[in-house]
Structure formats: structure tokens, C-alpha cells
């Protein structure tokens, strides 16, 4: 099997003020770097690495998709504009990031987070509320709709 390459790079700002390194892999998978994922989730890099090695916190397991995997992907960065070109980095695909964010939102709603996890849950709730409020509105008086 051929090694995956990070062929496109860009800064991603899903939460205002939090910029993360985003990549598109040679198999067209959208990903965030490991450090970017940790930054987005408001957790330390080490804490995210612990999730990858020891698994999800017990409080999140019942709230996450059954097919969820904490497997990491090591890729070679070939994107010309990336500050990490020529290096191997760990990335998490967008499905992993979305599932983990959703689990934290659900966990805060069910009041099952540990003290050290509440900050993450609140941040993910704020992100969810803001994205719903700022969703694009459809305007019917455009050239697309008479």
C-alpha cells in the first residue's frame, strides 16, 4: 500500500480565533494536523495523544458513533505551501474531529463530563450554536430564483 501524502495545505478557522493546519490527502480525505485538532478541541497536544493511545474517555463512549476509531494517520507532507513540507505528521480526518466534537456537545447536555472536560464541552456547544446562527440564508430574489 502506498504511503498517504498531504498534498494540499491551508489554515482552517472553524471556531473564530482558532486557526488550525488543514490538509487534503492524496486519497482526497480532509484532515487536521494533530496539533491543530488539539487546539480546536481546546485540549493539550498530550491529552489528544492519550486519546489515541488509551482510547476515549469513559464519559464519551456511550455518546459516540459505534464505528468511531481513534486510529491516527501518519502522512508525508508534500504540499508546497505547508510549513511542514518534507516531514511526516499525524493527522485526524474530518469524521474523527466531527464525531469527537458532537460527543462533547452531547456529554455536556447529559451532564456527564469530568471537571477537566467541561471547558471542551462548553466550547463545542458555543461552536455549534454559533454555526447554527450564522448558517447561510437562502435569498429567493436572486438571479437563480425569479
C-alpha atoms as a PDB file:
ATOM      1  CA  UNK A   1       0.000   0.000   0.000  1.00  0.00           C
ATOM      2  CA  UNK A   2       1.328   3.422  -0.958  1.00  0.00           C
ATOM      3  CA  UNK A   3       2.002   5.950   1.807  1.00  0.00           C
ATOM      4  CA  UNK A   4      -0.539   8.755   2.034  1.00  0.00           C
ATOM      5  CA  UNK A   5       0.648  12.238   1.111  1.00  0.00           C
ATOM      6  CA  UNK A   6      -0.655  15.563   2.421  1.00  0.00           C
ATOM      7  CA  UNK A   7      -0.882  17.256  -0.971  1.00  0.00           C
ATOM      8  CA  UNK A   8      -2.860  20.431  -0.129  1.00  0.00           C
ATOM      9  CA  UNK A   9      -2.466  22.712   2.878  1.00  0.00           C
ATOM     10  CA  UNK A  10      -4.391  25.638   4.301  1.00  0.00           C
ATOM     11  CA  UNK A  11      -5.252  27.261   7.586  1.00  0.00           C
ATOM     12  CA  UNK A  12      -8.710  26.303   8.816  1.00  0.00           C
ATOM     13  CA  UNK A  13     -10.713  28.509  11.198  1.00  0.00           C
ATOM     14  CA  UNK A  14     -13.792  26.507  12.230  1.00  0.00           C
ATOM     15  CA  UNK A  15     -14.057  28.385  15.525  1.00  0.00           C
ATOM     16  CA  UNK A  16     -13.391  32.123  15.264  1.00  0.00           C
ATOM     17  CA  UNK A  17      -9.903  32.895  16.513  1.00  0.00           C
ATOM     18  CA  UNK A  18      -8.662  29.291  16.438  1.00  0.00           C
ATOM     19  CA  UNK A  19      -6.615  28.599  13.330  1.00  0.00           C
ATOM     20  CA  UNK A  20      -5.521  25.034  12.608  1.00  0.00           C
ATOM     21  CA  UNK A  21      -3.424  23.385   9.930  1.00  0.00           C
ATOM     22  CA  UNK A  22      -5.736  21.656   7.476  1.00  0.00           C
ATOM     23  CA  UNK A  23      -4.680  19.175   4.787  1.00  0.00           C
ATOM     24  CA  UNK A  24      -6.174  17.231   1.916  1.00  0.00           C
ATOM     25  CA  UNK A  25      -4.561  13.848   1.479  1.00  0.00           C
ATOM     26  CA  UNK A  26      -3.720  12.016  -1.732  1.00  0.00           C
ATOM     27  CA  UNK A  27      -6.902   9.936  -1.249  1.00  0.00           C
ATOM     28  CA  UNK A  28      -8.968  13.193  -1.034  1.00  0.00           C
ATOM     29  CA  UNK A  29      -9.549  12.898   2.726  1.00  0.00           C
ATOM     30  CA  UNK A  30      -9.888  16.222   4.562  1.00  0.00           C
ATOM     31  CA  UNK A  31      -7.802  16.292   7.759  1.00  0.00           C
ATOM     32  CA  UNK A  32      -6.463  18.447  10.549  1.00  0.00           C
ATOM     33  CA  UNK A  33      -2.978  18.102  11.961  1.00  0.00           C
ATOM     34  CA  UNK A  34      -2.703  16.532  15.395  1.00  0.00           C
ATOM     35  CA  UNK A  35      -1.698  19.839  16.982  1.00  0.00           C
ATOM     36  CA  UNK A  36      -4.484  21.625  15.098  1.00  0.00           C
ATOM     37  CA  UNK A  37      -7.064  19.101  16.293  1.00  0.00           C
ATOM     38  CA  UNK A  38      -5.909  19.543  19.896  1.00  0.00           C
ATOM     39  CA  UNK A  39      -6.054  23.329  19.518  1.00  0.00           C
ATOM     40  CA  UNK A  40      -9.557  23.167  18.009  1.00  0.00           C
ATOM     41  CA  UNK A  41     -10.805  20.964  20.852  1.00  0.00           C
ATOM     42  CA  UNK A  42      -9.169  23.178  23.490  1.00  0.00           C
ATOM     43  CA  UNK A  43      -7.073  20.344  24.861  1.00  0.00           C
ATOM     44  CA  UNK A  44      -3.354  19.850  25.195  1.00  0.00           C
ATOM     45  CA  UNK A  45      -1.461  18.014  22.498  1.00  0.00           C
ATOM     46  CA  UNK A  46      -0.535  15.373  25.080  1.00  0.00           C
ATOM     47  CA  UNK A  47      -4.190  14.853  26.072  1.00  0.00           C
ATOM     48  CA  UNK A  48      -5.138  14.185  22.440  1.00  0.00           C
ATOM     49  CA  UNK A  49      -2.216  11.767  22.094  1.00  0.00           C
ATOM     50  CA  UNK A  50      -3.532   9.962  25.188  1.00  0.00           C
ATOM     51  CA  UNK A  51      -6.923   9.549  23.482  1.00  0.00           C
ATOM     52  CA  UNK A  52      -5.115   7.950  20.531  1.00  0.00           C
ATOM     53  CA  UNK A  53      -3.190   5.526  22.747  1.00  0.00           C
ATOM     54  CA  UNK A  54      -5.622   4.753  25.592  1.00  0.00           C
ATOM     55  CA  UNK A  55      -8.944   5.374  23.852  1.00  0.00           C
ATOM     56  CA  UNK A  56     -11.861   7.685  24.510  1.00  0.00           C
ATOM     57  CA  UNK A  57     -12.711   8.910  27.985  1.00  0.00           C
ATOM     58  CA  UNK A  58     -15.383   6.664  29.536  1.00  0.00           C
ATOM     59  CA  UNK A  59     -17.839   9.561  29.701  1.00  0.00           C
ATOM     60  CA  UNK A  60     -17.831   9.906  25.897  1.00  0.00           C
ATOM     61  CA  UNK A  61     -18.026   6.247  24.851  1.00  0.00           C
ATOM     62  CA  UNK A  62     -21.822   5.878  25.084  1.00  0.00           C
ATOM     63  CA  UNK A  63     -22.310   9.135  23.150  1.00  0.00           C
ATOM     64  CA  UNK A  64     -20.154   8.490  20.122  1.00  0.00           C
ATOM     65  CA  UNK A  65     -20.757   6.636  16.870  1.00  0.00           C
ATOM     66  CA  UNK A  66     -20.263   2.879  17.163  1.00  0.00           C
ATOM     67  CA  UNK A  67     -17.848   2.831  14.205  1.00  0.00           C
ATOM     68  CA  UNK A  68     -15.687   5.609  15.719  1.00  0.00           C
ATOM     69  CA  UNK A  69     -11.971   4.909  15.543  1.00  0.00           C
ATOM     70  CA  UNK A  70      -9.169   6.724  17.342  1.00  0.00           C
ATOM     71  CA  UNK A  71      -6.625   5.438  14.863  1.00  0.00           C
ATOM     72  CA  UNK A  72      -4.156   8.093  13.796  1.00  0.00           C
ATOM     73  CA  UNK A  73      -2.732   8.507  10.316  1.00  0.00           C
ATOM     74  CA  UNK A  74       0.907   9.314   9.665  1.00  0.00           C
ATOM     75  CA  UNK A  75       1.372  11.171   6.382  1.00  0.00           C
ATOM     76  CA  UNK A  76       4.214  12.675   4.417  1.00  0.00           C
ATOM     77  CA  UNK A  77       3.643  16.385   3.767  1.00  0.00           C
ATOM     78  CA  UNK A  78       4.257  17.309   0.124  1.00  0.00           C
ATOM     79  CA  UNK A  79       2.096  20.463  -0.050  1.00  0.00           C
ATOM     80  CA  UNK A  80       4.363  23.259  -1.272  1.00  0.00           C
ATOM     81  CA  UNK A  81       2.876  25.943   0.963  1.00  0.00           C
ATOM     82  CA  UNK A  82       2.963  23.915   4.190  1.00  0.00           C
ATOM     83  CA  UNK A  83       5.475  24.881   6.883  1.00  0.00           C
ATOM     84  CA  UNK A  84       5.899  21.126   7.448  1.00  0.00           C
ATOM     85  CA  UNK A  85       6.782  20.179   3.853  1.00  0.00           C
ATOM     86  CA  UNK A  86       9.079  17.163   3.759  1.00  0.00           C
ATOM     87  CA  UNK A  87       8.109  15.975   7.247  1.00  0.00           C
ATOM     88  CA  UNK A  88       5.829  13.234   8.468  1.00  0.00           C
ATOM     89  CA  UNK A  89       2.955  14.383  10.641  1.00  0.00           C
ATOM     90  CA  UNK A  90      -0.001  12.799  12.380  1.00  0.00           C
ATOM     91  CA  UNK A  91      -3.447  13.835  11.135  1.00  0.00           C
ATOM     92  CA  UNK A  92      -7.046  13.193  12.099  1.00  0.00           C
ATOM     93  CA  UNK A  93      -9.706  13.012   9.415  1.00  0.00           C
ATOM     94  CA  UNK A  94     -12.734  15.275   9.467  1.00  0.00           C
ATOM     95  CA  UNK A  95     -15.051  12.434  10.531  1.00  0.00           C
ATOM     96  CA  UNK A  96     -12.952  11.862  13.679  1.00  0.00           C
ATOM     97  CA  UNK A  97     -12.980  15.571  14.534  1.00  0.00           C
ATOM     98  CA  UNK A  98     -16.731  15.955  13.897  1.00  0.00           C
ATOM     99  CA  UNK A  99     -17.608  12.835  15.923  1.00  0.00           C
ATOM    100  CA  UNK A 100     -15.490  13.933  18.875  1.00  0.00           C
ATOM    101  CA  UNK A 101     -16.974  17.437  18.819  1.00  0.00           C
ATOM    102  CA  UNK A 102     -20.513  16.018  18.704  1.00  0.00           C
ATOM    103  CA  UNK A 103     -19.754  13.670  21.611  1.00  0.00           C
ATOM    104  CA  UNK A 104     -18.576  16.565  23.778  1.00  0.00           C
ATOM    105  CA  UNK A 105     -21.725  18.574  22.968  1.00  0.00           C
ATOM    106  CA  UNK A 106     -23.922  15.610  23.897  1.00  0.00           C
ATOM    107  CA  UNK A 107     -21.895  14.915  27.040  1.00  0.00           C
ATOM    108  CA  UNK A 108     -22.307  18.466  28.332  1.00  0.00           C
ATOM    109  CA  UNK A 109     -26.034  18.190  27.658  1.00  0.00           C
ATOM    110  CA  UNK A 110     -26.190  14.955  29.650  1.00  0.00           C
ATOM    111  CA  UNK A 111     -24.042  16.485  32.405  1.00  0.00           C
ATOM    112  CA  UNK A 112     -21.558  13.591  32.370  1.00  0.00           C
ATOM    113  CA  UNK A 113     -18.251  15.400  31.764  1.00  0.00           C
ATOM    114  CA  UNK A 114     -15.439  15.406  34.281  1.00  0.00           C
ATOM    115  CA  UNK A 115     -14.286  18.795  35.626  1.00  0.00           C
ATOM    116  CA  UNK A 116     -11.315  18.882  33.248  1.00  0.00           C
ATOM    117  CA  UNK A 117     -13.599  18.164  30.255  1.00  0.00           C
ATOM    118  CA  UNK A 118     -16.304  20.780  30.876  1.00  0.00           C
ATOM    119  CA  UNK A 119     -14.313  23.560  29.175  1.00  0.00           C
ATOM    120  CA  UNK A 120     -14.098  21.472  25.996  1.00  0.00           C
ATOM    121  CA  UNK A 121     -17.805  20.638  26.109  1.00  0.00           C
ATOM    122  CA  UNK A 122     -18.795  24.285  26.563  1.00  0.00           C
ATOM    123  CA  UNK A 123     -16.530  25.404  23.739  1.00  0.00           C
ATOM    124  CA  UNK A 124     -18.037  22.794  21.395  1.00  0.00           C
ATOM    125  CA  UNK A 125     -21.572  23.887  22.417  1.00  0.00           C
ATOM    126  CA  UNK A 126     -20.721  27.520  21.672  1.00  0.00           C
ATOM    127  CA  UNK A 127     -19.308  26.495  18.296  1.00  0.00           C
ATOM    128  CA  UNK A 128     -22.467  24.529  17.478  1.00  0.00           C
ATOM    129  CA  UNK A 129     -24.782  27.379  18.495  1.00  0.00           C
ATOM    130  CA  UNK A 130     -22.754  29.943  16.544  1.00  0.00           C
ATOM    131  CA  UNK A 131     -22.657  27.792  13.417  1.00  0.00           C
ATOM    132  CA  UNK A 132     -26.424  27.406  13.511  1.00  0.00           C
ATOM    133  CA  UNK A 133     -26.937  31.147  13.940  1.00  0.00           C
ATOM    134  CA  UNK A 134     -24.508  32.013  11.152  1.00  0.00           C
ATOM    135  CA  UNK A 135     -25.727  29.480   8.610  1.00  0.00           C
ATOM    136  CA  UNK A 136     -26.166  30.864   5.114  1.00  0.00           C
ATOM    137  CA  UNK A 137     -29.610  32.229   4.433  1.00  0.00           C
ATOM    138  CA  UNK A 138     -31.360  31.486   1.166  1.00  0.00           C
ATOM    139  CA  UNK A 139     -32.489  34.566  -0.675  1.00  0.00           C
ATOM    140  CA  UNK A 140     -35.243  33.889  -3.175  1.00  0.00           C
ATOM    141  CA  UNK A 141     -34.828  37.190  -5.015  1.00  0.00           C
ATOM    142  CA  UNK A 142     -31.663  36.382  -6.910  1.00  0.00           C
ATOM    143  CA  UNK A 143     -30.907  35.526 -10.480  1.00  0.00           C
ATOM    144  CA  UNK A 144     -31.258  31.841  -9.520  1.00  0.00           C
ATOM    145  CA  UNK A 145     -34.872  32.214  -8.395  1.00  0.00           C
ATOM    146  CA  UNK A 146     -37.189  34.550 -10.291  1.00  0.00           C
END
